[in-house]
Amino acid sequence: MVLEYTPKGTCSRKFIIEHDGQKVLSLQVIGGCNGNLKGIAALVKGMDIKEVISRLDGIKCGFKDTSCPDQLAQALKNLL
């Protein structure tokens, strides 16, 4: 299954998350900090959705109230 999510309050414009309902199979991020987000995508590949949420939820970027990792957690919460 594929979830497309538009993050709020970040430089990235879209997340395309392939999942099986329990694990993240792949993550593609449109926009944002290219290298960092490719790294995050590689790290969460194959990871349990609940584990990704637990690790990334609440991370902030500078003075913003959110970040790309936090927005990924918010997107995955929508699956649960």
C-alpha atoms as a PDB file:
ATOM      1  CA  MET A   1       0.000   0.000   0.000  1.00  0.00           C
ATOM      2  CA  VAL A   2       1.099   3.577  -0.576  1.00  0.00           C
ATOM      3  CA  LEU A   3       0.423   6.632   1.563  1.00  0.00           C
ATOM      4  CA  GLU A   4       1.023  10.085   0.099  1.00  0.00           C
ATOM      5  CA  TYR A   5       1.320  12.766   2.776  1.00  0.00           C
ATOM      6  CA  THR A   6       1.805  16.522   2.523  1.00  0.00           C
ATOM      7  CA  PRO A   7       3.951  17.654   5.461  1.00  0.00           C
ATOM      8  CA  LYS A   8       3.103  20.860   7.295  1.00  0.00           C
ATOM      9  CA  GLY A   9       5.679  23.413   8.452  1.00  0.00           C
ATOM     10  CA  THR A  10       8.703  21.860   6.718  1.00  0.00           C
ATOM     11  CA  CYS A  11      10.773  22.377   3.575  1.00  0.00           C
ATOM     12  CA  SER A  12       9.747  19.001   2.185  1.00  0.00           C
ATOM     13  CA  ARG A  13       6.613  19.042   0.034  1.00  0.00           C
ATOM     14  CA  LYS A  14       5.479  15.411  -0.090  1.00  0.00           C
ATOM     15  CA  PHE A  15       6.185  11.994   1.446  1.00  0.00           C
ATOM     16  CA  ILE A  16       5.448   8.854  -0.533  1.00  0.00           C
ATOM     17  CA  ILE A  17       5.443   5.973   1.947  1.00  0.00           C
ATOM     18  CA  GLU A  18       5.145   2.386   0.792  1.00  0.00           C
ATOM     19  CA  HIS A  19       4.076   0.099   3.644  1.00  0.00           C
ATOM     20  CA  ASP A  20       2.464  -3.230   4.398  1.00  0.00           C
ATOM     21  CA  GLY A  21       0.430  -1.963   7.353  1.00  0.00           C
ATOM     22  CA  GLN A  22       3.133  -2.904   9.861  1.00  0.00           C
ATOM     23  CA  LYS A  23       6.458  -1.961   8.288  1.00  0.00           C
ATOM     24  CA  VAL A  24       7.777   0.870   6.159  1.00  0.00           C
ATOM     25  CA  LEU A  25       8.872  -0.692   2.872  1.00  0.00           C
ATOM     26  CA  SER A  26      10.208   2.511   1.293  1.00  0.00           C
ATOM     27  CA  LEU A  27      10.106   6.271   1.710  1.00  0.00           C
ATOM     28  CA  GLN A  28      10.510   8.919  -0.961  1.00  0.00           C
ATOM     29  CA  VAL A  29      10.608  12.591   0.034  1.00  0.00           C
ATOM     30  CA  ILE A  30       9.992  15.411  -2.434  1.00  0.00           C
ATOM     31  CA  GLY A  31      11.808  18.620  -1.480  1.00  0.00           C
ATOM     32  CA  GLY A  32      13.650  19.270   1.759  1.00  0.00           C
ATOM     33  CA  CYS A  33      17.283  18.530   2.621  1.00  0.00           C
ATOM     34  CA  ASN A  34      18.076  15.901   0.021  1.00  0.00           C
ATOM     35  CA  GLY A  35      20.968  14.084   1.688  1.00  0.00           C
ATOM     36  CA  ASN A  36      19.469  14.025   5.171  1.00  0.00           C
ATOM     37  CA  LEU A  37      16.112  12.792   3.929  1.00  0.00           C
ATOM     38  CA  LYS A  38      17.705  10.067   1.796  1.00  0.00           C
ATOM     39  CA  GLY A  39      19.493   8.985   4.973  1.00  0.00           C
ATOM     40  CA  ILE A  40      16.250   8.907   6.961  1.00  0.00           C
ATOM     41  CA  ALA A  41      14.573   6.950   4.146  1.00  0.00           C
ATOM     42  CA  ALA A  42      17.367   4.367   4.226  1.00  0.00           C
ATOM     43  CA  LEU A  43      17.170   4.066   8.016  1.00  0.00           C
ATOM     44  CA  VAL A  44      13.393   3.556   8.226  1.00  0.00           C
ATOM     45  CA  LYS A  45      13.234   1.045   5.358  1.00  0.00           C
ATOM     46  CA  GLY A  46      12.036  -2.262   6.810  1.00  0.00           C
ATOM     47  CA  MET A  47      11.376  -0.713  10.233  1.00  0.00           C
ATOM     48  CA  ASP A  48       8.181  -1.314  12.190  1.00  0.00           C
ATOM     49  CA  ILE A  49       5.812   1.651  11.853  1.00  0.00           C
ATOM     50  CA  LYS A  50       5.349   1.954  15.625  1.00  0.00           C
ATOM     51  CA  GLU A  51       9.130   2.031  16.111  1.00  0.00           C
ATOM     52  CA  VAL A  52       9.530   4.805  13.521  1.00  0.00           C
ATOM     53  CA  ILE A  53       6.846   6.844  15.295  1.00  0.00           C
ATOM     54  CA  SER A  54       8.447   6.254  18.682  1.00  0.00           C
ATOM     55  CA  ARG A  55      11.865   7.421  17.465  1.00  0.00           C
ATOM     56  CA  LEU A  56      10.827  10.421  15.336  1.00  0.00           C
ATOM     57  CA  ASP A  57       7.730  11.891  16.997  1.00  0.00           C
ATOM     58  CA  GLY A  58       8.370  15.335  18.477  1.00  0.00           C
ATOM     59  CA  ILE A  59      11.736  16.079  16.826  1.00  0.00           C
ATOM     60  CA  LYS A  60      12.024  19.796  16.055  1.00  0.00           C
ATOM     61  CA  CYS A  61      13.999  21.621  13.357  1.00  0.00           C
ATOM     62  CA  GLY A  62      15.625  24.781  14.669  1.00  0.00           C
ATOM     63  CA  PHE A  63      12.949  27.096  16.025  1.00  0.00           C
ATOM     64  CA  LYS A  64      10.119  25.300  14.221  1.00  0.00           C
ATOM     65  CA  ASP A  65       7.600  23.250  16.185  1.00  0.00           C
ATOM     66  CA  THR A  66       8.089  20.300  13.821  1.00  0.00           C
ATOM     67  CA  SER A  67      10.587  18.749  11.392  1.00  0.00           C
ATOM     68  CA  CYS A  68      10.624  16.329   8.485  1.00  0.00           C
ATOM     69  CA  PRO A  69      11.196  13.372  10.858  1.00  0.00           C
ATOM     70  CA  ASP A  70       8.325  14.560  13.087  1.00  0.00           C
ATOM     71  CA  GLN A  71       6.072  14.970  10.047  1.00  0.00           C
ATOM     72  CA  LEU A  72       6.941  11.423   8.974  1.00  0.00           C
ATOM     73  CA  ALA A  73       5.811  10.244  12.413  1.00  0.00           C
ATOM     74  CA  GLN A  74       2.558  12.213  11.990  1.00  0.00           C
ATOM     75  CA  ALA A  75       1.982  10.635   8.568  1.00  0.00           C
ATOM     76  CA  LEU A  76       2.521   7.153   9.990  1.00  0.00           C
ATOM     77  CA  LYS A  77       0.167   7.848  12.906  1.00  0.00           C
ATOM     78  CA  ASN A  78      -2.557   8.280  10.273  1.00  0.00           C
ATOM     79  CA  LEU A  79      -2.030   4.629   9.316  1.00  0.00           C
ATOM     80  CA  LEU A  80      -2.679   3.422  12.842  1.00  0.00           C
END
